[in-house]
PDB file of N, CA and C in Angstrom:
ATOM      1  N   MET A   1      53.569  -0.981  33.383  1.00  0.00           N
ATOM      2  CA  MET A   1      52.365  -1.779  33.349  1.00  0.00           C
ATOM      3  C   MET A   1      51.117  -0.894  33.246  1.00  0.00           C
ATOM      4  N   LYS A   2      51.124   0.225  34.030  1.00  0.00           N
ATOM      5  CA  LYS A   2      49.983   1.128  33.988  1.00  0.00           C
ATOM      6  C   LYS A   2      49.837   1.757  32.605  1.00  0.00           C
ATOM      7  N   LYS A   3      50.966   2.063  31.983  1.00  0.00           N
ATOM      8  CA  LYS A   3      50.923   2.657  30.644  1.00  0.00           C
ATOM      9  C   LYS A   3      50.340   1.656  29.648  1.00  0.00           C
ATOM     10  N   LEU A   4      50.671   0.385  29.792  1.00  0.00           N
ATOM     11  CA  LEU A   4      50.154  -0.648  28.902  1.00  0.00           C
ATOM     12  C   LEU A   4      48.647  -0.807  29.069  1.00  0.00           C
ATOM     13  N   LEU A   5      48.177  -0.822  30.332  1.00  0.00           N
ATOM     14  CA  LEU A   5      46.739  -0.935  30.595  1.00  0.00           C
ATOM     15  C   LEU A   5      45.982   0.278  30.057  1.00  0.00           C
ATOM     16  N   LEU A   6      46.556   1.457  30.264  1.00  0.00           N
ATOM     17  CA  LEU A   6      45.927   2.681  29.778  1.00  0.00           C
ATOM     18  C   LEU A   6      45.860   2.684  28.253  1.00  0.00           C
ATOM     19  N   ALA A   7      46.917   2.281  27.601  1.00  0.00           N
ATOM     20  CA  ALA A   7      46.940   2.220  26.136  1.00  0.00           C
ATOM     21  C   ALA A   7      45.926   1.199  25.637  1.00  0.00           C
ATOM     22  N   THR A   8      45.841   0.052  26.303  1.00  0.00           N
ATOM     23  CA  THR A   8      44.878  -0.996  25.921  1.00  0.00           C
ATOM     24  C   THR A   8      43.445  -0.491  26.086  1.00  0.00           C
ATOM     25  N   ALA A   9      43.183   0.192  27.194  1.00  0.00           N
ATOM     26  CA  ALA A   9      41.838   0.716  27.449  1.00  0.00           C
ATOM     27  C   ALA A   9      41.445   1.741  26.398  1.00  0.00           C
ATOM     28  N   LEU A  10      42.354   2.653  26.068  1.00  0.00           N
ATOM     29  CA  LEU A  10      42.063   3.666  25.056  1.00  0.00           C
ATOM     30  C   LEU A  10      41.837   3.038  23.683  1.00  0.00           C
ATOM     31  N   LEU A  11      42.686   2.074  23.345  1.00  0.00           N
ATOM     32  CA  LEU A  11      42.556   1.403  22.060  1.00  0.00           C
ATOM     33  C   LEU A  11      41.263   0.603  21.988  1.00  0.00           C
ATOM     34  N   SER A  12      40.911  -0.083  23.067  1.00  0.00           N
ATOM     35  CA  SER A  12      39.674  -0.877  23.105  1.00  0.00           C
ATOM     36  C   SER A  12      38.450   0.013  22.961  1.00  0.00           C
ATOM     37  N   THR A  13      38.482   1.147  23.661  1.00  0.00           N
ATOM     38  CA  THR A  13      37.347   2.071  23.582  1.00  0.00           C
ATOM     39  C   THR A  13      37.154   2.572  22.161  1.00  0.00           C
ATOM     40  N   THR A  14      38.233   2.909  21.507  1.00  0.00           N
ATOM     41  CA  THR A  14      38.163   3.395  20.133  1.00  0.00           C
ATOM     42  C   THR A  14      37.663   2.319  19.202  1.00  0.00           C
ATOM     43  N   LEU A  15      38.164   1.109  19.350  1.00  0.00           N
ATOM     44  CA  LEU A  15      37.749   0.021  18.464  1.00  0.00           C
ATOM     45  C   LEU A  15      36.321  -0.422  18.715  1.00  0.00           C
ATOM     46  N   LEU A  16      35.937  -0.506  19.981  1.00  0.00           N
ATOM     47  CA  LEU A  16      34.605  -0.986  20.316  1.00  0.00           C
ATOM     48  C   LEU A  16      33.512   0.035  20.022  1.00  0.00           C
ATOM     49  N   SER A  17      33.853   1.303  19.982  1.00  0.00           N
ATOM     50  CA  SER A  17      32.829   2.316  19.724  1.00  0.00           C
ATOM     51  C   SER A  17      32.238   2.179  18.323  1.00  0.00           C
ATOM     52  N   GLY A  18      32.939   1.568  17.406  1.00  0.00           N
ATOM     53  CA  GLY A  18      32.438   1.373  16.053  1.00  0.00           C
ATOM     54  C   GLY A  18      31.668   0.087  15.880  1.00  0.00           C
ATOM     55  N   CYS A  19      31.437  -0.657  16.940  1.00  0.00           N
ATOM     56  CA  CYS A  19      30.783  -1.958  16.833  1.00  0.00           C
ATOM     57  C   CYS A  19      29.266  -1.881  16.879  1.00  0.00           C
ATOM     58  N   ILE A  20      28.718  -0.743  17.221  1.00  0.00           N
ATOM     59  CA  ILE A  20      27.272  -0.615  17.294  1.00  0.00           C
ATOM     60  C   ILE A  20      26.765  -0.164  15.928  1.00  0.00           C
ATOM     61  N   VAL A  21      25.910  -0.996  15.348  1.00  0.00           N
ATOM     62  CA  VAL A  21      25.392  -0.701  14.024  1.00  0.00           C
ATOM     63  C   VAL A  21      23.869  -0.793  14.068  1.00  0.00           C
ATOM     64  N   ALA A  22      23.210   0.228  13.606  1.00  0.00           N
ATOM     65  CA  ALA A  22      21.750   0.223  13.534  1.00  0.00           C
ATOM     66  C   ALA A  22      21.361   0.245  12.063  1.00  0.00           C
ATOM     67  N   VAL A  23      20.589  -0.755  11.660  1.00  0.00           N
ATOM     68  CA  VAL A  23      20.166  -0.858  10.273  1.00  0.00           C
ATOM     69  C   VAL A  23      18.650  -0.828  10.223  1.00  0.00           C
ATOM     70  N   SER A  24      18.109   0.085   9.417  1.00  0.00           N
ATOM     71  CA  SER A  24      16.661   0.172   9.268  1.00  0.00           C
ATOM     72  C   SER A  24      16.336   0.863   7.958  1.00  0.00           C
ATOM     73  N   ASP A  25      15.320   0.327   7.280  1.00  0.00           N
ATOM     74  CA  ASP A  25      14.851   0.997   6.070  1.00  0.00           C
ATOM     75  C   ASP A  25      13.513   1.674   6.339  1.00  0.00           C
ATOM     76  N   GLY A  26      13.161   1.787   7.626  1.00  0.00           N
ATOM     77  CA  GLY A  26      11.910   2.435   7.989  1.00  0.00           C
ATOM     78  C   GLY A  26      10.731   1.485   7.966  1.00  0.00           C
ATOM     79  N   GLU A  27      10.953   0.237   7.614  1.00  0.00           N
ATOM     80  CA  GLU A  27       9.884  -0.746   7.465  1.00  0.00           C
ATOM     81  C   GLU A  27       9.058  -0.902   8.740  1.00  0.00           C
ATOM     82  N   ALA A  28       9.699  -0.962   9.889  1.00  0.00           N
ATOM     83  CA  ALA A  28       8.982  -1.191  11.143  1.00  0.00           C
ATOM     84  C   ALA A  28       8.006  -0.065  11.441  1.00  0.00           C
ATOM     85  N   ARG A  29       8.383   1.158  11.150  1.00  0.00           N
ATOM     86  CA  ARG A  29       7.505   2.291  11.410  1.00  0.00           C
ATOM     87  C   ARG A  29       6.294   2.296  10.496  1.00  0.00           C
ATOM     88  N   HIS A  30       6.507   1.991   9.235  1.00  0.00           N
ATOM     89  CA  HIS A  30       5.450   2.115   8.244  1.00  0.00           C
ATOM     90  C   HIS A  30       4.637   0.839   8.072  1.00  0.00           C
ATOM     91  N   HIS A  31       5.176  -0.287   8.500  1.00  0.00           N
ATOM     92  CA  HIS A  31       4.495  -1.568   8.328  1.00  0.00           C
ATOM     93  C   HIS A  31       3.093  -1.527   8.910  1.00  0.00           C
ATOM     94  N   SER A  32       2.974  -1.027  10.112  1.00  0.00           N
ATOM     95  CA  SER A  32       1.690  -0.992  10.792  1.00  0.00           C
ATOM     96  C   SER A  32       0.680  -0.136  10.040  1.00  0.00           C
ATOM     97  N   ALA A  33       1.095   1.024   9.550  1.00  0.00           N
ATOM     98  CA  ALA A  33       0.171   1.940   8.867  1.00  0.00           C
ATOM     99  C   ALA A  33      -0.349   1.343   7.573  1.00  0.00           C
ATOM    100  N   TRP A  34       0.536   0.867   6.694  1.00  0.00           N
ATOM    101  CA  TRP A  34       0.050   0.338   5.421  1.00  0.00           C
ATOM    102  C   TRP A  34      -0.693  -0.967   5.615  1.00  0.00           C
ATOM    103  N   ASN A  35      -0.260  -1.780   6.567  1.00  0.00           N
ATOM    104  CA  ASN A  35      -0.941  -3.044   6.812  1.00  0.00           C
ATOM    105  C   ASN A  35      -2.372  -2.796   7.282  1.00  0.00           C
ATOM    106  N   SER A  36      -2.549  -1.802   8.126  1.00  0.00           N
ATOM    107  CA  SER A  36      -3.876  -1.445   8.621  1.00  0.00           C
ATOM    108  C   SER A  36      -4.765  -0.923   7.491  1.00  0.00           C
ATOM    109  N   THR A  37      -4.210  -0.071   6.649  1.00  0.00           N
ATOM    110  CA  THR A  37      -4.962   0.473   5.511  1.00  0.00           C
ATOM    111  C   THR A  37      -5.389  -0.643   4.566  1.00  0.00           C
ATOM    112  N   HIS A  38      -4.484  -1.543   4.253  1.00  0.00           N
ATOM    113  CA  HIS A  38      -4.802  -2.642   3.340  1.00  0.00           C
ATOM    114  C   HIS A  38      -5.889  -3.534   3.931  1.00  0.00           C
ATOM    115  N   LYS A  39      -5.786  -3.812   5.202  1.00  0.00           N
ATOM    116  CA  LYS A  39      -6.791  -4.650   5.873  1.00  0.00           C
ATOM    117  C   LYS A  39      -8.165  -3.965   5.856  1.00  0.00           C
ATOM    118  N   GLU A  40      -8.178  -2.661   6.132  1.00  0.00           N
ATOM    119  CA  GLU A  40      -9.442  -1.909   6.105  1.00  0.00           C
ATOM    120  C   GLU A  40     -10.042  -1.909   4.702  1.00  0.00           C
ATOM    121  N   ASN A  41      -9.211  -1.712   3.682  1.00  0.00           N
ATOM    122  CA  ASN A  41      -9.711  -1.718   2.300  1.00  0.00           C
ATOM    123  C   ASN A  41     -10.284  -3.079   1.930  1.00  0.00           C
ATOM    124  N   ARG A  42      -9.614  -4.169   2.327  1.00  0.00           N
ATOM    125  CA  ARG A  42     -10.141  -5.512   2.034  1.00  0.00           C
ATOM    126  C   ARG A  42     -11.490  -5.727   2.716  1.00  0.00           C
ATOM    127  N   ALA A  43     -11.609  -5.262   3.953  1.00  0.00           N
ATOM    128  CA  ALA A  43     -12.877  -5.402   4.677  1.00  0.00           C
ATOM    129  C   ALA A  43     -13.988  -4.611   3.992  1.00  0.00           C
ATOM    130  N   LYS A  44     -13.687  -3.394   3.557  1.00  0.00           N
ATOM    131  CA  LYS A  44     -14.689  -2.571   2.864  1.00  0.00           C
ATOM    132  C   LYS A  44     -15.105  -3.212   1.540  1.00  0.00           C
ATOM    133  N   ILE A  45     -14.141  -3.738   0.801  1.00  0.00           N
ATOM    134  CA  ILE A  45     -14.445  -4.371  -0.484  1.00  0.00           C
ATOM    135  C   ILE A  45     -15.330  -5.599  -0.279  1.00  0.00           C
ATOM    136  N   SER A  46     -15.077  -6.346   0.779  1.00  0.00           N
ATOM    137  CA  SER A  46     -15.874  -7.554   1.022  1.00  0.00           C
ATOM    138  C   SER A  46     -17.339  -7.234   1.307  1.00  0.00           C
ATOM    139  N   LYS A  47     -17.625  -5.992   1.688  1.00  0.00           N
ATOM    140  CA  LYS A  47     -18.997  -5.584   2.001  1.00  0.00           C
ATOM    141  C   LYS A  47     -19.681  -4.839   0.857  1.00  0.00           C
ATOM    142  N   LEU A  48     -18.967  -4.633  -0.251  1.00  0.00           N
ATOM    143  CA  LEU A  48     -19.547  -3.904  -1.380  1.00  0.00           C
ATOM    144  C   LEU A  48     -20.686  -4.689  -2.026  1.00  0.00           C
ATOM    145  N   GLU A  49     -21.656  -3.958  -2.491  1.00  0.00           N
ATOM    146  CA  GLU A  49     -22.754  -4.568  -3.241  1.00  0.00           C
ATOM    147  C   GLU A  49     -22.744  -4.015  -4.656  1.00  0.00           C
ATOM    148  N   LEU A  50     -22.881  -4.898  -5.618  1.00  0.00           N
ATOM    149  CA  LEU A  50     -22.958  -4.460  -7.007  1.00  0.00           C
ATOM    150  C   LEU A  50     -24.158  -3.534  -7.150  1.00  0.00           C
ATOM    151  N   GLY A  51     -23.991  -2.512  -7.962  1.00  0.00           N
ATOM    152  CA  GLY A  51     -25.047  -1.518  -8.146  1.00  0.00           C
ATOM    153  C   GLY A  51     -24.876  -0.307  -7.248  1.00  0.00           C
ATOM    154  N   ALA A  52     -23.938  -0.376  -6.298  1.00  0.00           N
ATOM    155  CA  ALA A  52     -23.690   0.788  -5.429  1.00  0.00           C
ATOM    156  C   ALA A  52     -23.232   1.965  -6.288  1.00  0.00           C
ATOM    157  N   SER A  53     -23.601   3.148  -5.875  1.00  0.00           N
ATOM    158  CA  SER A  53     -23.228   4.334  -6.650  1.00  0.00           C
ATOM    159  C   SER A  53     -21.761   4.694  -6.425  1.00  0.00           C
ATOM    160  N   TYR A  54     -21.209   5.362  -7.416  1.00  0.00           N
ATOM    161  CA  TYR A  54     -19.833   5.852  -7.335  1.00  0.00           C
ATOM    162  C   TYR A  54     -19.667   6.716  -6.081  1.00  0.00           C
ATOM    163  N   GLN A  55     -20.610   7.613  -5.840  1.00  0.00           N
ATOM    164  CA  GLN A  55     -20.547   8.519  -4.688  1.00  0.00           C
ATOM    165  C   GLN A  55     -20.553   7.743  -3.371  1.00  0.00           C
ATOM    166  N   ALA A  56     -21.396   6.738  -3.249  1.00  0.00           N
ATOM    167  CA  ALA A  56     -21.466   5.956  -2.010  1.00  0.00           C
ATOM    168  C   ALA A  56     -20.150   5.224  -1.745  1.00  0.00           C
ATOM    169  N   VAL A  57     -19.570   4.670  -2.791  1.00  0.00           N
ATOM    170  CA  VAL A  57     -18.320   3.919  -2.637  1.00  0.00           C
ATOM    171  C   VAL A  57     -17.170   4.854  -2.279  1.00  0.00           C
ATOM    172  N   THR A  58     -17.051   5.969  -2.994  1.00  0.00           N
ATOM    173  CA  THR A  58     -15.938   6.881  -2.711  1.00  0.00           C
ATOM    174  C   THR A  58     -16.071   7.552  -1.341  1.00  0.00           C
ATOM    175  N   SER A  59     -17.284   7.695  -0.857  1.00  0.00           N
ATOM    176  CA  SER A  59     -17.440   8.278   0.481  1.00  0.00           C
ATOM    177  C   SER A  59     -16.949   7.306   1.552  1.00  0.00           C
ATOM    178  N   LYS A  60     -17.020   6.007   1.286  1.00  0.00           N
ATOM    179  CA  LYS A  60     -16.517   4.996   2.236  1.00  0.00           C
ATOM    180  C   LYS A  60     -15.008   4.832   2.139  1.00  0.00           C
ATOM    181  N   PHE A  61     -14.485   4.888   0.929  1.00  0.00           N
ATOM    182  CA  PHE A  61     -13.070   4.599   0.700  1.00  0.00           C
ATOM    183  C   PHE A  61     -12.167   5.816   0.700  1.00  0.00           C
ATOM    184  N   GLY A  62     -12.680   6.950   0.293  1.00  0.00           N
ATOM    185  CA  GLY A  62     -11.820   8.118   0.154  1.00  0.00           C
ATOM    186  C   GLY A  62     -11.142   8.115  -1.206  1.00  0.00           C
ATOM    187  N   THR A  63     -10.005   8.753  -1.290  1.00  0.00           N
ATOM    188  CA  THR A  63      -9.277   8.903  -2.547  1.00  0.00           C
ATOM    189  C   THR A  63      -8.600   7.591  -2.948  1.00  0.00           C
ATOM    190  N   PRO A  64      -8.809   7.153  -4.185  1.00  0.00           N
ATOM    191  CA  PRO A  64      -8.161   5.914  -4.635  1.00  0.00           C
ATOM    192  C   PRO A  64      -6.669   6.119  -4.873  1.00  0.00           C
ATOM    193  N   ASP A  65      -5.943   4.998  -4.880  1.00  0.00           N
ATOM    194  CA  ASP A  65      -4.518   5.061  -5.188  1.00  0.00           C
ATOM    195  C   ASP A  65      -4.291   5.308  -6.668  1.00  0.00           C
ATOM    196  N   PHE A  66      -5.189   4.811  -7.500  1.00  0.00           N
ATOM    197  CA  PHE A  66      -5.154   5.039  -8.945  1.00  0.00           C
ATOM    198  C   PHE A  66      -6.583   5.201  -9.412  1.00  0.00           C
ATOM    199  N   ASN A  67      -6.766   5.948 -10.501  1.00  0.00           N
ATOM    200  CA  ASN A  67      -8.098   6.209 -11.036  1.00  0.00           C
ATOM    201  C   ASN A  67      -7.984   6.263 -12.553  1.00  0.00           C
ATOM    202  N   GLU A  68      -8.796   5.467 -13.232  1.00  0.00           N
ATOM    203  CA  GLU A  68      -8.790   5.461 -14.697  1.00  0.00           C
ATOM    204  C   GLU A  68     -10.231   5.548 -15.186  1.00  0.00           C
ATOM    205  N   ALA A  69     -10.416   6.143 -16.344  1.00  0.00           N
ATOM    206  CA  ALA A  69     -11.752   6.246 -16.928  1.00  0.00           C
ATOM    207  C   ALA A  69     -11.645   6.132 -18.441  1.00  0.00           C
ATOM    208  N   VAL A  70     -12.704   5.557 -19.034  1.00  0.00           N
ATOM    209  CA  VAL A  70     -12.752   5.415 -20.482  1.00  0.00           C
ATOM    210  C   VAL A  70     -14.221   5.434 -20.912  1.00  0.00           C
ATOM    211  N   SER A  71     -14.457   5.952 -22.094  1.00  0.00           N
ATOM    212  CA  SER A  71     -15.792   5.931 -22.669  1.00  0.00           C
ATOM    213  C   SER A  71     -15.801   4.855 -23.745  1.00  0.00           C
ATOM    214  N   LYS A  72     -16.795   3.972 -23.702  1.00  0.00           N
ATOM    215  CA  LYS A  72     -16.846   2.841 -24.628  1.00  0.00           C
ATOM    216  C   LYS A  72     -18.306   2.516 -24.941  1.00  0.00           C
ATOM    217  N   ASN A  73     -18.643   2.493 -26.215  1.00  0.00           N
ATOM    218  CA  ASN A  73     -20.000   2.153 -26.665  1.00  0.00           C
ATOM    219  C   ASN A  73     -21.074   2.998 -25.976  1.00  0.00           C
ATOM    220  N   GLY A  74     -20.791   4.278 -25.797  1.00  0.00           N
ATOM    221  CA  GLY A  74     -21.776   5.176 -25.204  1.00  0.00           C
ATOM    222  C   GLY A  74     -21.870   5.103 -23.685  1.00  0.00           C
ATOM    223  N   HIS A  75     -20.994   4.359 -23.050  1.00  0.00           N
ATOM    224  CA  HIS A  75     -20.989   4.241 -21.592  1.00  0.00           C
ATOM    225  C   HIS A  75     -19.654   4.739 -21.041  1.00  0.00           C
ATOM    226  N   THR A  76     -19.707   5.261 -19.825  1.00  0.00           N
ATOM    227  CA  THR A  76     -18.487   5.691 -19.154  1.00  0.00           C
ATOM    228  C   THR A  76     -18.098   4.635 -18.136  1.00  0.00           C
ATOM    229  N   TYR A  77     -16.872   4.141 -18.263  1.00  0.00           N
ATOM    230  CA  TYR A  77     -16.325   3.162 -17.321  1.00  0.00           C
ATOM    231  C   TYR A  77     -15.247   3.855 -16.502  1.00  0.00           C
ATOM    232  N   GLN A  78     -15.295   3.634 -15.206  1.00  0.00           N
ATOM    233  CA  GLN A  78     -14.267   4.195 -14.335  1.00  0.00           C
ATOM    234  C   GLN A  78     -13.754   3.068 -13.442  1.00  0.00           C
ATOM    235  N   VAL A  79     -12.441   3.032 -13.284  1.00  0.00           N
ATOM    236  CA  VAL A  79     -11.817   2.013 -12.449  1.00  0.00           C
ATOM    237  C   VAL A  79     -11.035   2.723 -11.351  1.00  0.00           C
ATOM    238  N   LEU A  80     -11.390   2.411 -10.116  1.00  0.00           N
ATOM    239  CA  LEU A  80     -10.684   2.939  -8.950  1.00  0.00           C
ATOM    240  C   LEU A  80      -9.853   1.815  -8.358  1.00  0.00           C
ATOM    241  N   TYR A  81      -8.611   2.101  -8.043  1.00  0.00           N
ATOM    242  CA  TYR A  81      -7.712   1.095  -7.479  1.00  0.00           C
ATOM    243  C   TYR A  81      -7.391   1.458  -6.033  1.00  0.00           C
ATOM    244  N   PHE A  82      -7.621   0.499  -5.128  1.00  0.00           N
ATOM    245  CA  PHE A  82      -7.318   0.692  -3.710  1.00  0.00           C
ATOM    246  C   PHE A  82      -6.321  -0.359  -3.245  1.00  0.00           C
ATOM    247  N   ALA A  83      -5.311   0.082  -2.520  1.00  0.00           N
ATOM    248  CA  ALA A  83      -4.262  -0.817  -2.033  1.00  0.00           C
ATOM    249  C   ALA A  83      -4.841  -1.852  -1.079  1.00  0.00           C
ATOM    250  N   THR A  84      -4.545  -3.122  -1.366  1.00  0.00           N
ATOM    251  CA  THR A  84      -5.057  -4.209  -0.524  1.00  0.00           C
ATOM    252  C   THR A  84      -4.012  -5.274  -0.201  1.00  0.00           C
ATOM    253  N   ASN A  85      -2.889  -5.279  -0.901  1.00  0.00           N
ATOM    254  CA  ASN A  85      -1.925  -6.359  -0.701  1.00  0.00           C
ATOM    255  C   ASN A  85      -0.524  -5.907  -1.108  1.00  0.00           C
ATOM    256  N   ARG A  86       0.272  -5.558  -0.133  1.00  0.00           N
ATOM    257  CA  ARG A  86       1.625  -5.070  -0.430  1.00  0.00           C
ATOM    258  C   ARG A  86       2.509  -6.218  -0.898  1.00  0.00           C
ATOM    259  N   LYS A  87       3.176  -6.013  -2.018  1.00  0.00           N
ATOM    260  CA  LYS A  87       4.067  -7.026  -2.585  1.00  0.00           C
ATOM    261  C   LYS A  87       5.510  -6.563  -2.613  1.00  0.00           C
ATOM    262  N   HIS A  88       5.717  -5.263  -2.690  1.00  0.00           N
ATOM    263  CA  HIS A  88       7.060  -4.704  -2.825  1.00  0.00           C
ATOM    264  C   HIS A  88       7.392  -3.872  -1.583  1.00  0.00           C
ATOM    265  N   SER A  89       8.611  -3.904  -1.167  1.00  0.00           N
ATOM    266  CA  SER A  89       9.034  -3.133   0.006  1.00  0.00           C
ATOM    267  C   SER A  89       9.747  -1.854  -0.405  1.00  0.00           C
ATOM    268  N   ASP A  90       9.277  -1.247  -1.468  1.00  0.00           N
ATOM    269  CA  ASP A  90       9.950  -0.046  -1.973  1.00  0.00           C
ATOM    270  C   ASP A  90       9.279   1.246  -1.518  1.00  0.00           C
ATOM    271  N   GLY A  91       8.209   1.146  -0.739  1.00  0.00           N
ATOM    272  CA  GLY A  91       7.530   2.337  -0.255  1.00  0.00           C
ATOM    273  C   GLY A  91       6.557   2.946  -1.242  1.00  0.00           C
ATOM    274  N   GLN A  92       6.445   2.372  -2.432  1.00  0.00           N
ATOM    275  CA  GLN A  92       5.546   2.880  -3.462  1.00  0.00           C
ATOM    276  C   GLN A  92       4.406   1.872  -3.677  1.00  0.00           C
ATOM    277  N   ILE A  93       3.212   2.373  -3.885  1.00  0.00           N
ATOM    278  CA  ILE A  93       2.076   1.499  -4.192  1.00  0.00           C
ATOM    279  C   ILE A  93       1.985   1.363  -5.701  1.00  0.00           C
ATOM    280  N   THR A  94       1.831   0.139  -6.167  1.00  0.00           N
ATOM    281  CA  THR A  94       1.672  -0.133  -7.591  1.00  0.00           C
ATOM    282  C   THR A  94       0.325  -0.807  -7.809  1.00  0.00           C
ATOM    283  N   LYS A  95      -0.133  -0.812  -9.050  1.00  0.00           N
ATOM    284  CA  LYS A  95      -1.453  -1.376  -9.346  1.00  0.00           C
ATOM    285  C   LYS A  95      -1.560  -2.852  -8.985  1.00  0.00           C
ATOM    286  N   ASP A  96      -0.449  -3.593  -9.070  1.00  0.00           N
ATOM    287  CA  ASP A  96      -0.516  -5.015  -8.729  1.00  0.00           C
ATOM    288  C   ASP A  96      -0.677  -5.235  -7.218  1.00  0.00           C
ATOM    289  N   GLU A  97      -0.637  -4.160  -6.439  1.00  0.00           N
ATOM    290  CA  GLU A  97      -0.872  -4.237  -5.001  1.00  0.00           C
ATOM    291  C   GLU A  97      -2.276  -3.731  -4.639  1.00  0.00           C
ATOM    292  N   CYS A  98      -3.079  -3.477  -5.663  1.00  0.00           N
ATOM    293  CA  CYS A  98      -4.407  -2.890  -5.470  1.00  0.00           C
ATOM    294  C   CYS A  98      -5.509  -3.810  -5.996  1.00  0.00           C
ATOM    295  N   THR A  99      -6.710  -3.568  -5.494  1.00  0.00           N
ATOM    296  CA  THR A  99      -7.910  -4.218  -6.020  1.00  0.00           C
ATOM    297  C   THR A  99      -8.690  -3.157  -6.788  1.00  0.00           C
ATOM    298  N   PRO A 100      -8.985  -3.429  -8.072  1.00  0.00           N
ATOM    299  CA  PRO A 100      -9.742  -2.453  -8.859  1.00  0.00           C
ATOM    300  C   PRO A 100     -11.250  -2.582  -8.620  1.00  0.00           C
ATOM    301  N   LEU A 101     -11.929  -1.437  -8.598  1.00  0.00           N
ATOM    302  CA  LEU A 101     -13.393  -1.383  -8.530  1.00  0.00           C
ATOM    303  C   LEU A 101     -13.856  -0.795  -9.848  1.00  0.00           C
ATOM    304  N   VAL A 102     -14.761  -1.487 -10.545  1.00  0.00           N
ATOM    305  CA  VAL A 102     -15.181  -1.072 -11.884  1.00  0.00           C
ATOM    306  C   VAL A 102     -16.597  -0.501 -11.831  1.00  0.00           C
ATOM    307  N   PHE A 103     -16.737   0.710 -12.359  1.00  0.00           N
ATOM    308  CA  PHE A 103     -18.028   1.391 -12.433  1.00  0.00           C
ATOM    309  C   PHE A 103     -18.414   1.601 -13.886  1.00  0.00           C
ATOM    310  N   LYS A 104     -19.706   1.419 -14.159  1.00  0.00           N
ATOM    311  CA  LYS A 104     -20.255   1.719 -15.479  1.00  0.00           C
ATOM    312  C   LYS A 104     -21.355   2.742 -15.250  1.00  0.00           C
ATOM    313  N   ASP A 105     -21.187   3.913 -15.857  1.00  0.00           N
ATOM    314  CA  ASP A 105     -22.153   4.999 -15.693  1.00  0.00           C
ATOM    315  C   ASP A 105     -22.475   5.245 -14.209  1.00  0.00           C
ATOM    316  N   ASP A 106     -21.419   5.341 -13.406  1.00  0.00           N
ATOM    317  CA  ASP A 106     -21.490   5.649 -11.970  1.00  0.00           C
ATOM    318  C   ASP A 106     -22.123   4.557 -11.104  1.00  0.00           C
ATOM    319  N   GLN A 107     -22.209   3.334 -11.604  1.00  0.00           N
ATOM    320  CA  GLN A 107     -22.719   2.212 -10.813  1.00  0.00           C
ATOM    321  C   GLN A 107     -21.657   1.119 -10.750  1.00  0.00           C
ATOM    322  N   LEU A 108     -21.427   0.571  -9.558  1.00  0.00           N
ATOM    323  CA  LEU A 108     -20.436  -0.487  -9.381  1.00  0.00           C
ATOM    324  C   LEU A 108     -20.921  -1.752 -10.096  1.00  0.00           C
ATOM    325  N   ILE A 109     -20.101  -2.240 -11.035  1.00  0.00           N
ATOM    326  CA  ILE A 109     -20.485  -3.445 -11.780  1.00  0.00           C
ATOM    327  C   ILE A 109     -19.555  -4.623 -11.492  1.00  0.00           C
ATOM    328  N   GLY A 110     -18.482  -4.390 -10.761  1.00  0.00           N
ATOM    329  CA  GLY A 110     -17.589  -5.481 -10.409  1.00  0.00           C
ATOM    330  C   GLY A 110     -16.327  -4.975  -9.750  1.00  0.00           C
ATOM    331  N   PHE A 111     -15.566  -5.915  -9.186  1.00  0.00           N
ATOM    332  CA  PHE A 111     -14.277  -5.562  -8.610  1.00  0.00           C
ATOM    333  C   PHE A 111     -13.323  -6.731  -8.775  1.00  0.00           C
ATOM    334  N   GLY A 112     -12.056  -6.422  -8.733  1.00  0.00           N
ATOM    335  CA  GLY A 112     -11.019  -7.417  -8.982  1.00  0.00           C
ATOM    336  C   GLY A 112     -10.575  -7.373 -10.433  1.00  0.00           C
ATOM    337  N   GLN A 113      -9.456  -8.020 -10.709  1.00  0.00           N
ATOM    338  CA  GLN A 113      -8.904  -8.001 -12.056  1.00  0.00           C
ATOM    339  C   GLN A 113      -9.834  -8.648 -13.073  1.00  0.00           C
ATOM    340  N   ALA A 114     -10.600  -9.659 -12.647  1.00  0.00           N
ATOM    341  CA  ALA A 114     -11.550 -10.320 -13.556  1.00  0.00           C
ATOM    342  C   ALA A 114     -12.590  -9.329 -14.059  1.00  0.00           C
ATOM    343  N   ALA A 115     -13.022  -8.412 -13.210  1.00  0.00           N
ATOM    344  CA  ALA A 115     -14.001  -7.394 -13.640  1.00  0.00           C
ATOM    345  C   ALA A 115     -13.391  -6.449 -14.658  1.00  0.00           C
ATOM    346  N   VAL A 116     -12.154  -6.047 -14.431  1.00  0.00           N
ATOM    347  CA  VAL A 116     -11.478  -5.169 -15.407  1.00  0.00           C
ATOM    348  C   VAL A 116     -11.351  -5.890 -16.735  1.00  0.00           C
ATOM    349  N   ASP A 117     -10.914  -7.148 -16.703  1.00  0.00           N
ATOM    350  CA  ASP A 117     -10.729  -7.926 -17.934  1.00  0.00           C
ATOM    351  C   ASP A 117     -12.056  -8.144 -18.664  1.00  0.00           C
ATOM    352  N   SER A 118     -13.129  -8.311 -17.930  1.00  0.00           N
ATOM    353  CA  SER A 118     -14.449  -8.567 -18.505  1.00  0.00           C
ATOM    354  C   SER A 118     -15.038  -7.365 -19.221  1.00  0.00           C
ATOM    355  N   TYR A 119     -14.927  -6.222 -18.562  1.00  0.00           N
ATOM    356  CA  TYR A 119     -15.619  -5.040 -19.069  1.00  0.00           C
ATOM    357  C   TYR A 119     -14.750  -4.132 -19.917  1.00  0.00           C
ATOM    358  N   LEU A 120     -13.464  -4.197 -19.735  1.00  0.00           N
ATOM    359  CA  LEU A 120     -12.605  -3.288 -20.489  1.00  0.00           C
ATOM    360  C   LEU A 120     -11.665  -4.138 -21.275  1.00  0.00           C
TER     361      LEU A 120
END
C-alpha cells in the first residue's frame, strides 16, 4: 500500500508540475507607457494653434514618429506624425496610429488627415 501511495505521489507531482502556464506577449508592461504617450500627444495637439512655428511645436512634442517633407509651388511642406491612437498590438507604430501635423514654410497650417489631404 505504501509503495502504491508513493508511486501515486511521484506520478502526481510529475504530472501536475506541467500544469502551470504563463502566457504574455508583454502587453501589460508596455500598455501603460504607450497609452500615456498617446494621451499626452492628444492633449498637446488639442492645444495647438495654427501659425505656431515648427520650432515651438517640436520643442513641445520632441521627435516625431514619422517625418516627411516636400517642396511644392515654391513652398516647403513638412508633415510630422505623432502616435495618438494604437490600433495594432504588434509593438510597431504605423502612420494610421498617428496624427499628422502639417507645416508650410515652418508654420503650422493644420493637423489631421484632412490637413494632409488638403495641402498635399
